[in-house]
Amino acid sequence: MLLTGLSLVFPVVMVLAMVADFRTFEIPNFLPLVLVLGYPLAALSAGFSWQQILWAAGLGGLTLVAAIVMFALGVMGGGDGKLLAAAALWTGREQILEFLLITALAGGVLTVALLLYRRLPLASHLAGIAALRQMHAKKRDIPYAIAIGGAGLIIYPHLPILNG
């Protein structure tokens, strides 16, 4: 029962991050923090050893380093990088490549869709919706948490804590 409750942390945070990034182009810092703090509890509840938990932490740390490099290059936002690294903890080495591949593909589709959306004039009935108006106006920003969260939700049933 405890594991079931703790395992729901991951999809709930993914959805909240997607909504926040869509609405404000920002991911609240507490969301990746919830993933980082919740992972050891969920992993211990699933019967993982400290060694397995530390390997997952190493994977998350490596992902964070890559995200920092991408942030420095202007390729990824800081909140996106923190969310990606925190999610990597949960995916483990079993699902990390699938998670990153789905994130990249979803991010590509999202970017192309936004580029097309921003090239067209904003329809008057959409202009009344603040999030859509902002999405149209921010020509360089991409709410990448939508791609990260979508990938997280796709791989969620295969997370090691649910199948370990």
C-alpha atoms as a PDB file:
ATOM      1  CA  MET A   1       0.000   0.000   0.000  1.00  0.00           C
ATOM      2  CA  LEU A   2       2.822   2.406   0.870  1.00  0.00           C
ATOM      3  CA  LEU A   3       4.625   1.610  -2.377  1.00  0.00           C
ATOM      4  CA  THR A   4       1.457   2.261  -4.379  1.00  0.00           C
ATOM      5  CA  GLY A   5       1.071   5.689  -2.812  1.00  0.00           C
ATOM      6  CA  LEU A   6       4.733   6.566  -3.250  1.00  0.00           C
ATOM      7  CA  SER A   7       4.778   5.349  -6.838  1.00  0.00           C
ATOM      8  CA  LEU A   8       2.048   7.864  -7.679  1.00  0.00           C
ATOM      9  CA  VAL A   9       4.456  10.703  -6.847  1.00  0.00           C
ATOM     10  CA  PHE A  10       6.101  10.287 -10.248  1.00  0.00           C
ATOM     11  CA  PRO A  11       3.060  10.683 -12.531  1.00  0.00           C
ATOM     12  CA  VAL A  12       1.533  13.413 -10.365  1.00  0.00           C
ATOM     13  CA  VAL A  13       4.731  15.475 -10.524  1.00  0.00           C
ATOM     14  CA  MET A  14       4.988  14.897 -14.284  1.00  0.00           C
ATOM     15  CA  VAL A  15       1.451  16.194 -14.841  1.00  0.00           C
ATOM     16  CA  LEU A  16       1.944  19.188 -12.527  1.00  0.00           C
ATOM     17  CA  ALA A  17       5.204  20.096 -14.301  1.00  0.00           C
ATOM     18  CA  MET A  18       3.542  19.838 -17.708  1.00  0.00           C
ATOM     19  CA  VAL A  19       0.667  22.092 -16.650  1.00  0.00           C
ATOM     20  CA  ALA A  20       2.934  24.640 -14.954  1.00  0.00           C
ATOM     21  CA  ASP A  21       5.295  24.861 -17.917  1.00  0.00           C
ATOM     22  CA  PHE A  22       2.387  25.177 -20.354  1.00  0.00           C
ATOM     23  CA  ARG A  23       0.806  27.976 -18.336  1.00  0.00           C
ATOM     24  CA  THR A  24       3.886  29.960 -17.227  1.00  0.00           C
ATOM     25  CA  PHE A  25       6.962  28.598 -19.049  1.00  0.00           C
ATOM     26  CA  GLU A  26       8.379  27.754 -15.623  1.00  0.00           C
ATOM     27  CA  ILE A  27       8.655  24.565 -13.597  1.00  0.00           C
ATOM     28  CA  PRO A  28       8.419  25.222  -9.856  1.00  0.00           C
ATOM     29  CA  ASN A  29      11.594  24.073  -8.089  1.00  0.00           C
ATOM     30  CA  PHE A  30       9.627  22.032  -5.585  1.00  0.00           C
ATOM     31  CA  LEU A  31       8.500  19.570  -8.275  1.00  0.00           C
ATOM     32  CA  PRO A  32      11.937  18.074  -9.095  1.00  0.00           C
ATOM     33  CA  LEU A  33      12.698  18.237  -5.377  1.00  0.00           C
ATOM     34  CA  VAL A  34       9.631  16.096  -4.629  1.00  0.00           C
ATOM     35  CA  LEU A  35      10.905  13.522  -7.131  1.00  0.00           C
ATOM     36  CA  VAL A  36      14.400  13.525  -5.621  1.00  0.00           C
ATOM     37  CA  LEU A  37      13.135  13.197  -2.047  1.00  0.00           C
ATOM     38  CA  GLY A  38      10.396  10.723  -2.905  1.00  0.00           C
ATOM     39  CA  TYR A  39      12.580   8.335  -4.882  1.00  0.00           C
ATOM     40  CA  PRO A  40      14.556   6.810  -1.973  1.00  0.00           C
ATOM     41  CA  LEU A  41      11.349   6.246  -0.030  1.00  0.00           C
ATOM     42  CA  ALA A  42       9.663   4.564  -3.005  1.00  0.00           C
ATOM     43  CA  ALA A  43      12.783   2.530  -3.801  1.00  0.00           C
ATOM     44  CA  LEU A  44      13.154   1.314  -0.210  1.00  0.00           C
ATOM     45  CA  SER A  45       9.460   0.424  -0.162  1.00  0.00           C
ATOM     46  CA  ALA A  46      10.012  -1.602  -3.342  1.00  0.00           C
ATOM     47  CA  GLY A  47      12.824  -3.519  -1.628  1.00  0.00           C
ATOM     48  CA  PHE A  48      15.731  -1.865  -3.442  1.00  0.00           C
ATOM     49  CA  SER A  49      19.138  -2.004  -1.808  1.00  0.00           C
ATOM     50  CA  TRP A  50      21.093   1.125  -0.966  1.00  0.00           C
ATOM     51  CA  GLN A  51      23.483   0.159  -3.737  1.00  0.00           C
ATOM     52  CA  GLN A  52      20.641   0.238  -6.300  1.00  0.00           C
ATOM     53  CA  ILE A  53      19.485   3.590  -4.938  1.00  0.00           C
ATOM     54  CA  LEU A  54      22.993   5.027  -5.173  1.00  0.00           C
ATOM     55  CA  TRP A  55      23.337   3.809  -8.779  1.00  0.00           C
ATOM     56  CA  ALA A  56      20.084   5.584  -9.591  1.00  0.00           C
ATOM     57  CA  ALA A  57      21.434   8.717  -7.879  1.00  0.00           C
ATOM     58  CA  GLY A  58      24.553   8.477 -10.034  1.00  0.00           C
ATOM     59  CA  LEU A  59      22.408   8.218 -13.149  1.00  0.00           C
ATOM     60  CA  GLY A  60      20.398  11.243 -12.040  1.00  0.00           C
ATOM     61  CA  GLY A  61      23.632  13.134 -11.338  1.00  0.00           C
ATOM     62  CA  LEU A  62      25.035  12.275 -14.748  1.00  0.00           C
ATOM     63  CA  THR A  63      21.796  13.448 -16.349  1.00  0.00           C
ATOM     64  CA  LEU A  64      22.013  16.673 -14.358  1.00  0.00           C
ATOM     65  CA  VAL A  65      25.560  17.307 -15.612  1.00  0.00           C
ATOM     66  CA  ALA A  66      24.385  16.792 -19.205  1.00  0.00           C
ATOM     67  CA  ALA A  67      21.434  19.127 -18.562  1.00  0.00           C
ATOM     68  CA  ILE A  68      23.763  21.800 -17.127  1.00  0.00           C
ATOM     69  CA  VAL A  69      25.865  21.611 -20.296  1.00  0.00           C
ATOM     70  CA  MET A  70      22.732  21.934 -22.432  1.00  0.00           C
ATOM     71  CA  PHE A  71      21.596  24.884 -20.305  1.00  0.00           C
ATOM     72  CA  ALA A  72      24.990  26.563 -20.745  1.00  0.00           C
ATOM     73  CA  LEU A  73      24.682  26.082 -24.506  1.00  0.00           C
ATOM     74  CA  GLY A  74      21.196  27.609 -24.457  1.00  0.00           C
ATOM     75  CA  VAL A  75      19.568  24.386 -25.611  1.00  0.00           C
ATOM     76  CA  MET A  76      17.530  23.638 -22.486  1.00  0.00           C
ATOM     77  CA  GLY A  77      16.015  25.623 -19.657  1.00  0.00           C
ATOM     78  CA  GLY A  78      17.199  25.154 -16.094  1.00  0.00           C
ATOM     79  CA  GLY A  79      13.860  23.866 -14.837  1.00  0.00           C
ATOM     80  CA  ASP A  80      13.685  21.382 -17.696  1.00  0.00           C
ATOM     81  CA  GLY A  81      17.141  20.084 -16.813  1.00  0.00           C
ATOM     82  CA  LYS A  82      16.273  19.672 -13.147  1.00  0.00           C
ATOM     83  CA  LEU A  83      13.058  17.847 -14.013  1.00  0.00           C
ATOM     84  CA  LEU A  84      14.845  15.585 -16.496  1.00  0.00           C
ATOM     85  CA  ALA A  85      17.554  14.679 -13.959  1.00  0.00           C
ATOM     86  CA  ALA A  86      15.041  14.033 -11.170  1.00  0.00           C
ATOM     87  CA  ALA A  87      12.973  11.835 -13.487  1.00  0.00           C
ATOM     88  CA  ALA A  88      16.119   9.896 -14.452  1.00  0.00           C
ATOM     89  CA  LEU A  89      16.347   8.716 -10.839  1.00  0.00           C
ATOM     90  CA  TRP A  90      13.024   6.962 -11.214  1.00  0.00           C
ATOM     91  CA  THR A  91      13.674   5.485 -14.657  1.00  0.00           C
ATOM     92  CA  GLY A  92      16.845   3.712 -13.638  1.00  0.00           C
ATOM     93  CA  ARG A  93      19.232   2.237 -16.133  1.00  0.00           C
ATOM     94  CA  GLU A  94      16.482  -0.124 -17.302  1.00  0.00           C
ATOM     95  CA  GLN A  95      14.343   2.650 -18.802  1.00  0.00           C
ATOM     96  CA  ILE A  96      16.649   5.680 -19.177  1.00  0.00           C
ATOM     97  CA  LEU A  97      17.356   5.263 -22.880  1.00  0.00           C
ATOM     98  CA  GLU A  98      13.701   4.746 -23.734  1.00  0.00           C
ATOM     99  CA  PHE A  99      12.767   7.730 -21.561  1.00  0.00           C
ATOM    100  CA  LEU A 100      15.349  10.004 -23.205  1.00  0.00           C
ATOM    101  CA  LEU A 101      14.423   8.835 -26.705  1.00  0.00           C
ATOM    102  CA  ILE A 102      10.711   9.425 -26.150  1.00  0.00           C
ATOM    103  CA  THR A 103      11.497  12.811 -24.558  1.00  0.00           C
ATOM    104  CA  ALA A 104      13.595  13.824 -27.582  1.00  0.00           C
ATOM    105  CA  LEU A 105      10.960  12.665 -30.076  1.00  0.00           C
ATOM    106  CA  ALA A 106       8.135  14.356 -28.159  1.00  0.00           C
ATOM    107  CA  GLY A 107      10.259  17.492 -27.838  1.00  0.00           C
ATOM    108  CA  GLY A 108      10.832  17.543 -31.582  1.00  0.00           C
ATOM    109  CA  VAL A 109       7.140  17.184 -32.328  1.00  0.00           C
ATOM    110  CA  LEU A 110       6.322  19.857 -29.747  1.00  0.00           C
ATOM    111  CA  THR A 111       8.881  22.247 -31.205  1.00  0.00           C
ATOM    112  CA  VAL A 112       7.670  21.810 -34.786  1.00  0.00           C
ATOM    113  CA  ALA A 113       4.041  22.219 -33.686  1.00  0.00           C
ATOM    114  CA  LEU A 114       4.881  25.408 -31.777  1.00  0.00           C
ATOM    115  CA  LEU A 115       6.873  26.826 -34.679  1.00  0.00           C
ATOM    116  CA  LEU A 116       3.892  26.264 -36.963  1.00  0.00           C
ATOM    117  CA  TYR A 117       1.460  27.658 -34.376  1.00  0.00           C
ATOM    118  CA  ARG A 118       3.590  30.783 -33.933  1.00  0.00           C
ATOM    119  CA  ARG A 119       3.907  31.435 -37.669  1.00  0.00           C
ATOM    120  CA  LEU A 120       0.158  31.667 -38.099  1.00  0.00           C
ATOM    121  CA  PRO A 121      -1.874  34.605 -36.832  1.00  0.00           C
ATOM    122  CA  LEU A 122      -3.535  33.873 -33.516  1.00  0.00           C
ATOM    123  CA  ALA A 123      -7.227  33.161 -33.998  1.00  0.00           C
ATOM    124  CA  SER A 124      -9.436  35.627 -32.144  1.00  0.00           C
ATOM    125  CA  HIS A 125     -11.230  32.921 -30.151  1.00  0.00           C
ATOM    126  CA  LEU A 126      -7.833  31.604 -28.941  1.00  0.00           C
ATOM    127  CA  ALA A 127      -6.533  35.070 -28.045  1.00  0.00           C
ATOM    128  CA  GLY A 128      -8.858  35.115 -25.055  1.00  0.00           C
ATOM    129  CA  ILE A 129      -7.030  32.182 -23.467  1.00  0.00           C
ATOM    130  CA  ALA A 130      -3.997  33.581 -21.651  1.00  0.00           C
ATOM    131  CA  ALA A 131      -1.839  30.449 -21.920  1.00  0.00           C
ATOM    132  CA  LEU A 132      -2.409  30.143 -25.673  1.00  0.00           C
ATOM    133  CA  ARG A 133      -1.781  33.857 -26.185  1.00  0.00           C
ATOM    134  CA  GLN A 134       1.477  33.587 -24.243  1.00  0.00           C
ATOM    135  CA  MET A 135       2.442  30.413 -26.131  1.00  0.00           C
ATOM    136  CA  HIS A 136       2.006  32.326 -29.372  1.00  0.00           C
ATOM    137  CA  ALA A 137       3.928  35.394 -28.190  1.00  0.00           C
ATOM    138  CA  LYS A 138       7.015  33.694 -26.698  1.00  0.00           C
ATOM    139  CA  LYS A 139       8.857  33.066 -29.920  1.00  0.00           C
ATOM    140  CA  ARG A 140      11.938  31.378 -28.451  1.00  0.00           C
ATOM    141  CA  ASP A 141      10.594  29.491 -25.436  1.00  0.00           C
ATOM    142  CA  ILE A 142       9.513  25.856 -25.567  1.00  0.00           C
ATOM    143  CA  PRO A 143       7.635  24.373 -22.586  1.00  0.00           C
ATOM    144  CA  TYR A 144       9.792  21.250 -22.695  1.00  0.00           C
ATOM    145  CA  ALA A 145       8.265  19.811 -19.525  1.00  0.00           C
ATOM    146  CA  ILE A 146       5.395  18.771 -21.782  1.00  0.00           C
ATOM    147  CA  ALA A 147       7.782  16.433 -23.618  1.00  0.00           C
ATOM    148  CA  ILE A 148       9.549  15.283 -20.447  1.00  0.00           C
ATOM    149  CA  GLY A 149       6.285  14.671 -18.615  1.00  0.00           C
ATOM    150  CA  GLY A 150       4.707  12.928 -21.580  1.00  0.00           C
ATOM    151  CA  ALA A 151       7.684  10.587 -21.852  1.00  0.00           C
ATOM    152  CA  GLY A 152       7.543   9.985 -18.106  1.00  0.00           C
ATOM    153  CA  LEU A 153       3.876   9.047 -18.288  1.00  0.00           C
ATOM    154  CA  ILE A 154       4.541   6.675 -21.185  1.00  0.00           C
ATOM    155  CA  ILE A 155       7.291   4.798 -19.334  1.00  0.00           C
ATOM    156  CA  TYR A 156       5.599   4.998 -15.936  1.00  0.00           C
ATOM    157  CA  PRO A 157       4.140   1.448 -16.058  1.00  0.00           C
ATOM    158  CA  HIS A 158       7.664   0.135 -16.690  1.00  0.00           C
ATOM    159  CA  LEU A 159       9.466   1.949 -13.863  1.00  0.00           C
ATOM    160  CA  PRO A 160      11.798  -0.337 -11.899  1.00  0.00           C
ATOM    161  CA  ILE A 161      10.043   0.422  -8.595  1.00  0.00           C
ATOM    162  CA  LEU A 162       6.816  -0.990 -10.037  1.00  0.00           C
ATOM    163  CA  ASN A 163       8.431  -4.004 -11.635  1.00  0.00           C
ATOM    164  CA  GLY A 164      11.457  -4.713  -9.440  1.00  0.00           C
END
